[in-house]
Amino acid sequence: MEQCRIKNLEPGTDVGLLSYNETPMKQFIYKGISVISTDFNQLGAKAADFVRGDEKLQFYVPTKLVLRDSL
């Protein structure tokens, strides 16, 4: 974002911004930052299952693309 300001570039028009892992703040920065993020609720539930259980766990936690005005 700072480089865009310095070079007078418009995010979402002149350049695209993509970040990893959703945080509440990313929807409010500028016009919103697009993210690739994992489902942290599901990840936490699977981690709890692993801790409570006594068997090995192999699981794919889905990821999603949240498109906002930065792309």
PDB file of N, CA and C in Angstrom:
ATOM      1  N   MET A   1       0.819  -1.174   0.000  1.00  0.00           N
ATOM      2  CA  MET A   1       0.000   0.000   0.000  1.00  0.00           C
ATOM      3  C   MET A   1       0.876   1.256   0.000  1.00  0.00           C
ATOM      4  N   GLU A   2       1.960   1.205   0.761  1.00  0.00           N
ATOM      5  CA  GLU A   2       2.851   2.367   0.795  1.00  0.00           C
ATOM      6  C   GLU A   2       3.495   2.590  -0.571  1.00  0.00           C
ATOM      7  N   GLN A   3       3.912   1.509  -1.223  1.00  0.00           N
ATOM      8  CA  GLN A   3       4.525   1.636  -2.551  1.00  0.00           C
ATOM      9  C   GLN A   3       3.512   2.195  -3.552  1.00  0.00           C
ATOM     10  N   CYS A   4       2.259   1.799  -3.420  1.00  0.00           N
ATOM     11  CA  CYS A   4       1.220   2.354  -4.295  1.00  0.00           C
ATOM     12  C   CYS A   4       1.099   3.861  -4.083  1.00  0.00           C
ATOM     13  N   ARG A   5       1.107   4.275  -2.839  1.00  0.00           N
ATOM     14  CA  ARG A   5       1.005   5.708  -2.534  1.00  0.00           C
ATOM     15  C   ARG A   5       2.201   6.463  -3.085  1.00  0.00           C
ATOM     16  N   ILE A   6       3.403   5.922  -2.868  1.00  0.00           N
ATOM     17  CA  ILE A   6       4.630   6.581  -3.325  1.00  0.00           C
ATOM     18  C   ILE A   6       4.652   6.703  -4.841  1.00  0.00           C
ATOM     19  N   LYS A   7       4.240   5.647  -5.537  1.00  0.00           N
ATOM     20  CA  LYS A   7       4.299   5.619  -7.000  1.00  0.00           C
ATOM     21  C   LYS A   7       3.002   6.083  -7.653  1.00  0.00           C
ATOM     22  N   ASN A   8       2.062   6.557  -6.822  1.00  0.00           N
ATOM     23  CA  ASN A   8       0.783   7.055  -7.318  1.00  0.00           C
ATOM     24  C   ASN A   8       0.038   6.001  -8.159  1.00  0.00           C
ATOM     25  N   LEU A   9      -0.009   4.786  -7.638  1.00  0.00           N
ATOM     26  CA  LEU A   9      -0.716   3.679  -8.291  1.00  0.00           C
ATOM     27  C   LEU A   9      -2.006   3.380  -7.542  1.00  0.00           C
ATOM     28  N   GLU A  10      -3.037   3.037  -8.252  1.00  0.00           N
ATOM     29  CA  GLU A  10      -4.337   2.737  -7.658  1.00  0.00           C
ATOM     30  C   GLU A  10      -4.508   1.229  -7.488  1.00  0.00           C
ATOM     31  N   PRO A  11      -4.594   0.732  -6.244  1.00  0.00           N
ATOM     32  CA  PRO A  11      -4.833  -0.699  -6.028  1.00  0.00           C
ATOM     33  C   PRO A  11      -6.152  -1.132  -6.670  1.00  0.00           C
ATOM     34  N   GLY A  12      -6.116  -2.270  -7.321  1.00  0.00           N
ATOM     35  CA  GLY A  12      -7.304  -2.778  -7.993  1.00  0.00           C
ATOM     36  C   GLY A  12      -7.456  -2.276  -9.415  1.00  0.00           C
ATOM     37  N   THR A  13      -6.691  -1.238  -9.757  1.00  0.00           N
ATOM     38  CA  THR A  13      -6.715  -0.706 -11.123  1.00  0.00           C
ATOM     39  C   THR A  13      -5.346  -0.846 -11.764  1.00  0.00           C
ATOM     40  N   ASP A  14      -4.347  -0.243 -11.148  1.00  0.00           N
ATOM     41  CA  ASP A  14      -2.977  -0.285 -11.668  1.00  0.00           C
ATOM     42  C   ASP A  14      -2.217  -1.518 -11.185  1.00  0.00           C
ATOM     43  N   VAL A  15      -2.489  -1.952  -9.982  1.00  0.00           N
ATOM     44  CA  VAL A  15      -1.838  -3.124  -9.378  1.00  0.00           C
ATOM     45  C   VAL A  15      -2.883  -3.921  -8.607  1.00  0.00           C
ATOM     46  N   GLY A  16      -2.571  -5.192  -8.371  1.00  0.00           N
ATOM     47  CA  GLY A  16      -3.440  -6.031  -7.553  1.00  0.00           C
ATOM     48  C   GLY A  16      -2.754  -6.387  -6.249  1.00  0.00           C
ATOM     49  N   LEU A  17      -3.526  -6.448  -5.182  1.00  0.00           N
ATOM     50  CA  LEU A  17      -2.991  -6.827  -3.876  1.00  0.00           C
ATOM     51  C   LEU A  17      -3.696  -8.093  -3.408  1.00  0.00           C
ATOM     52  N   LEU A  18      -2.897  -9.082  -2.998  1.00  0.00           N
ATOM     53  CA  LEU A  18      -3.421 -10.343  -2.496  1.00  0.00           C
ATOM     54  C   LEU A  18      -2.637 -10.714  -1.251  1.00  0.00           C
ATOM     55  N   SER A  19      -3.328 -11.090  -0.200  1.00  0.00           N
ATOM     56  CA  SER A  19      -2.698 -11.405   1.072  1.00  0.00           C
ATOM     57  C   SER A  19      -3.108 -12.812   1.507  1.00  0.00           C
ATOM     58  N   TYR A  20      -2.328 -13.378   2.429  1.00  0.00           N
ATOM     59  CA  TYR A  20      -2.666 -14.672   3.013  1.00  0.00           C
ATOM     60  C   TYR A  20      -3.387 -14.475   4.335  1.00  0.00           C
ATOM     61  N   ASN A  21      -4.353 -15.315   4.580  1.00  0.00           N
ATOM     62  CA  ASN A  21      -5.075 -15.426   5.848  1.00  0.00           C
ATOM     63  C   ASN A  21      -5.877 -14.179   6.214  1.00  0.00           C
ATOM     64  N   GLU A  22      -7.153 -14.383   6.305  1.00  0.00           N
ATOM     65  CA  GLU A  22      -8.117 -13.331   6.606  1.00  0.00           C
ATOM     66  C   GLU A  22      -7.945 -12.799   8.024  1.00  0.00           C
ATOM     67  N   THR A  23      -8.059 -11.512   8.159  1.00  0.00           N
ATOM     68  CA  THR A  23      -8.197 -10.854   9.455  1.00  0.00           C
ATOM     69  C   THR A  23      -9.298  -9.819   9.288  1.00  0.00           C
ATOM     70  N   PRO A  24     -10.004  -9.480  10.345  1.00  0.00           N
ATOM     71  CA  PRO A  24     -11.095  -8.498  10.199  1.00  0.00           C
ATOM     72  C   PRO A  24     -10.625  -7.172   9.606  1.00  0.00           C
ATOM     73  N   MET A  25      -9.403  -6.780   9.911  1.00  0.00           N
ATOM     74  CA  MET A  25      -8.894  -5.501   9.440  1.00  0.00           C
ATOM     75  C   MET A  25      -8.774  -5.455   7.907  1.00  0.00           C
ATOM     76  N   LYS A  26      -8.509  -6.580   7.257  1.00  0.00           N
ATOM     77  CA  LYS A  26      -8.245  -6.572   5.817  1.00  0.00           C
ATOM     78  C   LYS A  26      -9.466  -6.187   4.993  1.00  0.00           C
ATOM     79  N   GLN A  27     -10.647  -6.312   5.558  1.00  0.00           N
ATOM     80  CA  GLN A  27     -11.824  -5.881   4.805  1.00  0.00           C
ATOM     81  C   GLN A  27     -12.009  -4.364   4.855  1.00  0.00           C
ATOM     82  N   PHE A  28     -11.309  -3.706   5.773  1.00  0.00           N
ATOM     83  CA  PHE A  28     -11.469  -2.260   5.936  1.00  0.00           C
ATOM     84  C   PHE A  28     -10.291  -1.444   5.426  1.00  0.00           C
ATOM     85  N   ILE A  29      -9.124  -2.074   5.244  1.00  0.00           N
ATOM     86  CA  ILE A  29      -7.960  -1.344   4.744  1.00  0.00           C
ATOM     87  C   ILE A  29      -8.243  -0.898   3.320  1.00  0.00           C
ATOM     88  N   TYR A  30      -8.052   0.357   3.077  1.00  0.00           N
ATOM     89  CA  TYR A  30      -8.332   0.984   1.791  1.00  0.00           C
ATOM     90  C   TYR A  30      -9.741   0.612   1.362  1.00  0.00           C
ATOM     91  N   LYS A  31      -9.893  -0.113   0.262  1.00  0.00           N
ATOM     92  CA  LYS A  31     -11.209  -0.572  -0.179  1.00  0.00           C
ATOM     93  C   LYS A  31     -11.357  -2.067   0.053  1.00  0.00           C
ATOM     94  N   GLY A  32     -10.444  -2.644   0.803  1.00  0.00           N
ATOM     95  CA  GLY A  32     -10.467  -4.073   1.089  1.00  0.00           C
ATOM     96  C   GLY A  32      -9.327  -4.786   0.391  1.00  0.00           C
ATOM     97  N   ILE A  33      -8.666  -5.678   1.105  1.00  0.00           N
ATOM     98  CA  ILE A  33      -7.555  -6.452   0.562  1.00  0.00           C
ATOM     99  C   ILE A  33      -8.060  -7.866   0.281  1.00  0.00           C
ATOM    100  N   SER A  34      -7.876  -8.349  -0.931  1.00  0.00           N
ATOM    101  CA  SER A  34      -8.240  -9.723  -1.276  1.00  0.00           C
ATOM    102  C   SER A  34      -7.318 -10.687  -0.546  1.00  0.00           C
ATOM    103  N   VAL A  35      -7.861 -11.841  -0.132  1.00  0.00           N
ATOM    104  CA  VAL A  35      -7.066 -12.800   0.631  1.00  0.00           C
ATOM    105  C   VAL A  35      -7.325 -14.228   0.160  1.00  0.00           C
ATOM    106  N   ILE A  36      -6.306 -15.065   0.349  1.00  0.00           N
ATOM    107  CA  ILE A  36      -6.450 -16.517   0.272  1.00  0.00           C
ATOM    108  C   ILE A  36      -6.349 -16.977   1.718  1.00  0.00           C
ATOM    109  N   SER A  37      -7.392 -17.636   2.216  1.00  0.00           N
ATOM    110  CA  SER A  37      -7.423 -17.942   3.639  1.00  0.00           C
ATOM    111  C   SER A  37      -7.952 -19.344   3.901  1.00  0.00           C
ATOM    112  N   THR A  38      -7.455 -19.941   4.963  1.00  0.00           N
ATOM    113  CA  THR A  38      -7.931 -21.238   5.405  1.00  0.00           C
ATOM    114  C   THR A  38      -9.119 -21.044   6.351  1.00  0.00           C
ATOM    115  N   ASP A  39      -9.875 -22.082   6.572  1.00  0.00           N
ATOM    116  CA  ASP A  39     -11.006 -22.044   7.495  1.00  0.00           C
ATOM    117  C   ASP A  39     -10.465 -22.310   8.909  1.00  0.00           C
ATOM    118  N   PHE A  40     -10.199 -21.249   9.666  1.00  0.00           N
ATOM    119  CA  PHE A  40      -9.587 -21.388  10.976  1.00  0.00           C
ATOM    120  C   PHE A  40     -10.507 -22.071  11.985  1.00  0.00           C
ATOM    121  N   ASN A  41     -11.816 -21.911  11.845  1.00  0.00           N
ATOM    122  CA  ASN A  41     -12.741 -22.610  12.744  1.00  0.00           C
ATOM    123  C   ASN A  41     -12.632 -24.118  12.557  1.00  0.00           C
ATOM    124  N   GLN A  42     -12.606 -24.547  11.306  1.00  0.00           N
ATOM    125  CA  GLN A  42     -12.478 -25.978  11.028  1.00  0.00           C
ATOM    126  C   GLN A  42     -11.094 -26.495  11.459  1.00  0.00           C
ATOM    127  N   LEU A  43     -10.077 -25.705  11.251  1.00  0.00           N
ATOM    128  CA  LEU A  43      -8.726 -26.086  11.672  1.00  0.00           C
ATOM    129  C   LEU A  43      -8.673 -26.276  13.188  1.00  0.00           C
ATOM    130  N   GLY A  44      -9.268 -25.369  13.929  1.00  0.00           N
ATOM    131  CA  GLY A  44      -9.303 -25.474  15.383  1.00  0.00           C
ATOM    132  C   GLY A  44     -10.090 -26.687  15.853  1.00  0.00           C
ATOM    133  N   ALA A  45     -11.213 -26.964  15.199  1.00  0.00           N
ATOM    134  CA  ALA A  45     -12.024 -28.129  15.570  1.00  0.00           C
ATOM    135  C   ALA A  45     -11.254 -29.418  15.322  1.00  0.00           C
ATOM    136  N   LYS A  46     -10.556 -29.511  14.204  1.00  0.00           N
ATOM    137  CA  LYS A  46      -9.772 -30.711  13.902  1.00  0.00           C
ATOM    138  C   LYS A  46      -8.601 -30.863  14.879  1.00  0.00           C
ATOM    139  N   ALA A  47      -7.980 -29.747  15.273  1.00  0.00           N
ATOM    140  CA  ALA A  47      -6.894 -29.806  16.248  1.00  0.00           C
ATOM    141  C   ALA A  47      -7.417 -30.316  17.589  1.00  0.00           C
ATOM    142  N   ALA A  48      -8.610 -29.858  17.977  1.00  0.00           N
ATOM    143  CA  ALA A  48      -9.218 -30.328  19.224  1.00  0.00           C
ATOM    144  C   ALA A  48      -9.535 -31.817  19.143  1.00  0.00           C
ATOM    145  N   ASP A  49     -10.048 -32.274  17.998  1.00  0.00           N
ATOM    146  CA  ASP A  49     -10.312 -33.706  17.808  1.00  0.00           C
ATOM    147  C   ASP A  49      -9.033 -34.518  17.964  1.00  0.00           C
ATOM    148  N   PHE A  50      -7.948 -33.998  17.428  1.00  0.00           N
ATOM    149  CA  PHE A  50      -6.662 -34.695  17.509  1.00  0.00           C
ATOM    150  C   PHE A  50      -6.194 -34.809  18.961  1.00  0.00           C
ATOM    151  N   VAL A  51      -6.330 -33.726  19.703  1.00  0.00           N
ATOM    152  CA  VAL A  51      -5.877 -33.713  21.095  1.00  0.00           C
ATOM    153  C   VAL A  51      -6.733 -34.670  21.935  1.00  0.00           C
ATOM    154  N   ARG A  52      -8.035 -34.691  21.677  1.00  0.00           N
ATOM    155  CA  ARG A  52      -8.936 -35.559  22.447  1.00  0.00           C
ATOM    156  C   ARG A  52      -8.813 -37.027  22.073  1.00  0.00           C
ATOM    157  N   GLY A  53      -8.457 -37.284  20.829  1.00  0.00           N
ATOM    158  CA  GLY A  53      -8.395 -38.664  20.354  1.00  0.00           C
ATOM    159  C   GLY A  53      -7.016 -39.263  20.499  1.00  0.00           C
ATOM    160  N   ASP A  54      -6.920 -40.541  20.157  1.00  0.00           N
ATOM    161  CA  ASP A  54      -5.620 -41.205  20.245  1.00  0.00           C
ATOM    162  C   ASP A  54      -5.202 -41.801  18.901  1.00  0.00           C
ATOM    163  N   GLU A  55      -5.832 -41.352  17.839  1.00  0.00           N
ATOM    164  CA  GLU A  55      -5.453 -41.840  16.519  1.00  0.00           C
ATOM    165  C   GLU A  55      -4.883 -40.707  15.679  1.00  0.00           C
ATOM    166  N   LYS A  56      -4.102 -41.104  14.691  1.00  0.00           N
ATOM    167  CA  LYS A  56      -3.512 -40.115  13.791  1.00  0.00           C
ATOM    168  C   LYS A  56      -4.610 -39.459  12.962  1.00  0.00           C
ATOM    169  N   LEU A  57      -4.358 -38.236  12.589  1.00  0.00           N
ATOM    170  CA  LEU A  57      -5.343 -37.476  11.828  1.00  0.00           C
ATOM    171  C   LEU A  57      -4.651 -36.846  10.631  1.00  0.00           C
ATOM    172  N   GLN A  58      -5.196 -37.092   9.461  1.00  0.00           N
ATOM    173  CA  GLN A  58      -4.721 -36.426   8.255  1.00  0.00           C
ATOM    174  C   GLN A  58      -5.947 -35.830   7.591  1.00  0.00           C
ATOM    175  N   PHE A  59      -5.925 -34.523   7.421  1.00  0.00           N
ATOM    176  CA  PHE A  59      -7.125 -33.840   6.951  1.00  0.00           C
ATOM    177  C   PHE A  59      -6.733 -32.613   6.139  1.00  0.00           C
ATOM    178  N   TYR A  60      -7.448 -32.363   5.075  1.00  0.00           N
ATOM    179  CA  TYR A  60      -7.255 -31.178   4.249  1.00  0.00           C
ATOM    180  C   TYR A  60      -8.208 -30.096   4.748  1.00  0.00           C
ATOM    181  N   VAL A  61      -7.668 -28.988   5.179  1.00  0.00           N
ATOM    182  CA  VAL A  61      -8.499 -27.855   5.587  1.00  0.00           C
ATOM    183  C   VAL A  61      -8.698 -26.974   4.352  1.00  0.00           C
ATOM    184  N   PRO A  62      -9.934 -26.801   3.926  1.00  0.00           N
ATOM    185  CA  PRO A  62     -10.183 -26.038   2.709  1.00  0.00           C
ATOM    186  C   PRO A  62      -9.724 -24.578   2.818  1.00  0.00           C
ATOM    187  N   THR A  63      -9.330 -24.038   1.695  1.00  0.00           N
ATOM    188  CA  THR A  63      -8.986 -22.621   1.611  1.00  0.00           C
ATOM    189  C   THR A  63      -9.976 -21.951   0.672  1.00  0.00           C
ATOM    190  N   LYS A  64     -10.080 -20.652   0.803  1.00  0.00           N
ATOM    191  CA  LYS A  64     -10.989 -19.919  -0.077  1.00  0.00           C
ATOM    192  C   LYS A  64     -10.357 -18.599  -0.482  1.00  0.00           C
ATOM    193  N   LEU A  65     -10.804 -18.089  -1.592  1.00  0.00           N
ATOM    194  CA  LEU A  65     -10.377 -16.784  -2.085  1.00  0.00           C
ATOM    195  C   LEU A  65     -11.487 -15.792  -1.776  1.00  0.00           C
ATOM    196  N   VAL A  66     -11.129 -14.741  -1.055  1.00  0.00           N
ATOM    197  CA  VAL A  66     -12.075 -13.666  -0.749  1.00  0.00           C
ATOM    198  C   VAL A  66     -11.681 -12.479  -1.615  1.00  0.00           C
ATOM    199  N   LEU A  67     -12.463 -12.231  -2.656  1.00  0.00           N
ATOM    200  CA  LEU A  67     -12.159 -11.138  -3.576  1.00  0.00           C
ATOM    201  C   LEU A  67     -12.717  -9.823  -3.046  1.00  0.00           C
ATOM    202  N   ARG A  68     -11.862  -8.824  -3.046  1.00  0.00           N
ATOM    203  CA  ARG A  68     -12.262  -7.466  -2.686  1.00  0.00           C
ATOM    204  C   ARG A  68     -11.722  -6.523  -3.756  1.00  0.00           C
ATOM    205  N   ASP A  69     -11.891  -5.233  -3.554  1.00  0.00           N
ATOM    206  CA  ASP A  69     -11.538  -4.254  -4.595  1.00  0.00           C
ATOM    207  C   ASP A  69     -10.055  -4.161  -4.915  1.00  0.00           C
ATOM    208  N   SER A  70      -9.191  -4.848  -4.150  1.00  0.00           N
ATOM    209  CA  SER A  70      -7.748  -4.758  -4.413  1.00  0.00           C
ATOM    210  C   SER A  70      -7.325  -5.618  -5.608  1.00  0.00           C
ATOM    211  N   LEU A  71      -8.215  -6.448  -6.134  1.00  0.00           N
ATOM    212  CA  LEU A  71      -7.892  -7.241  -7.337  1.00  0.00           C
ATOM    213  C   LEU A  71      -8.840  -6.900  -8.453  1.00  0.00           C
TER     214      LEU A  71
END
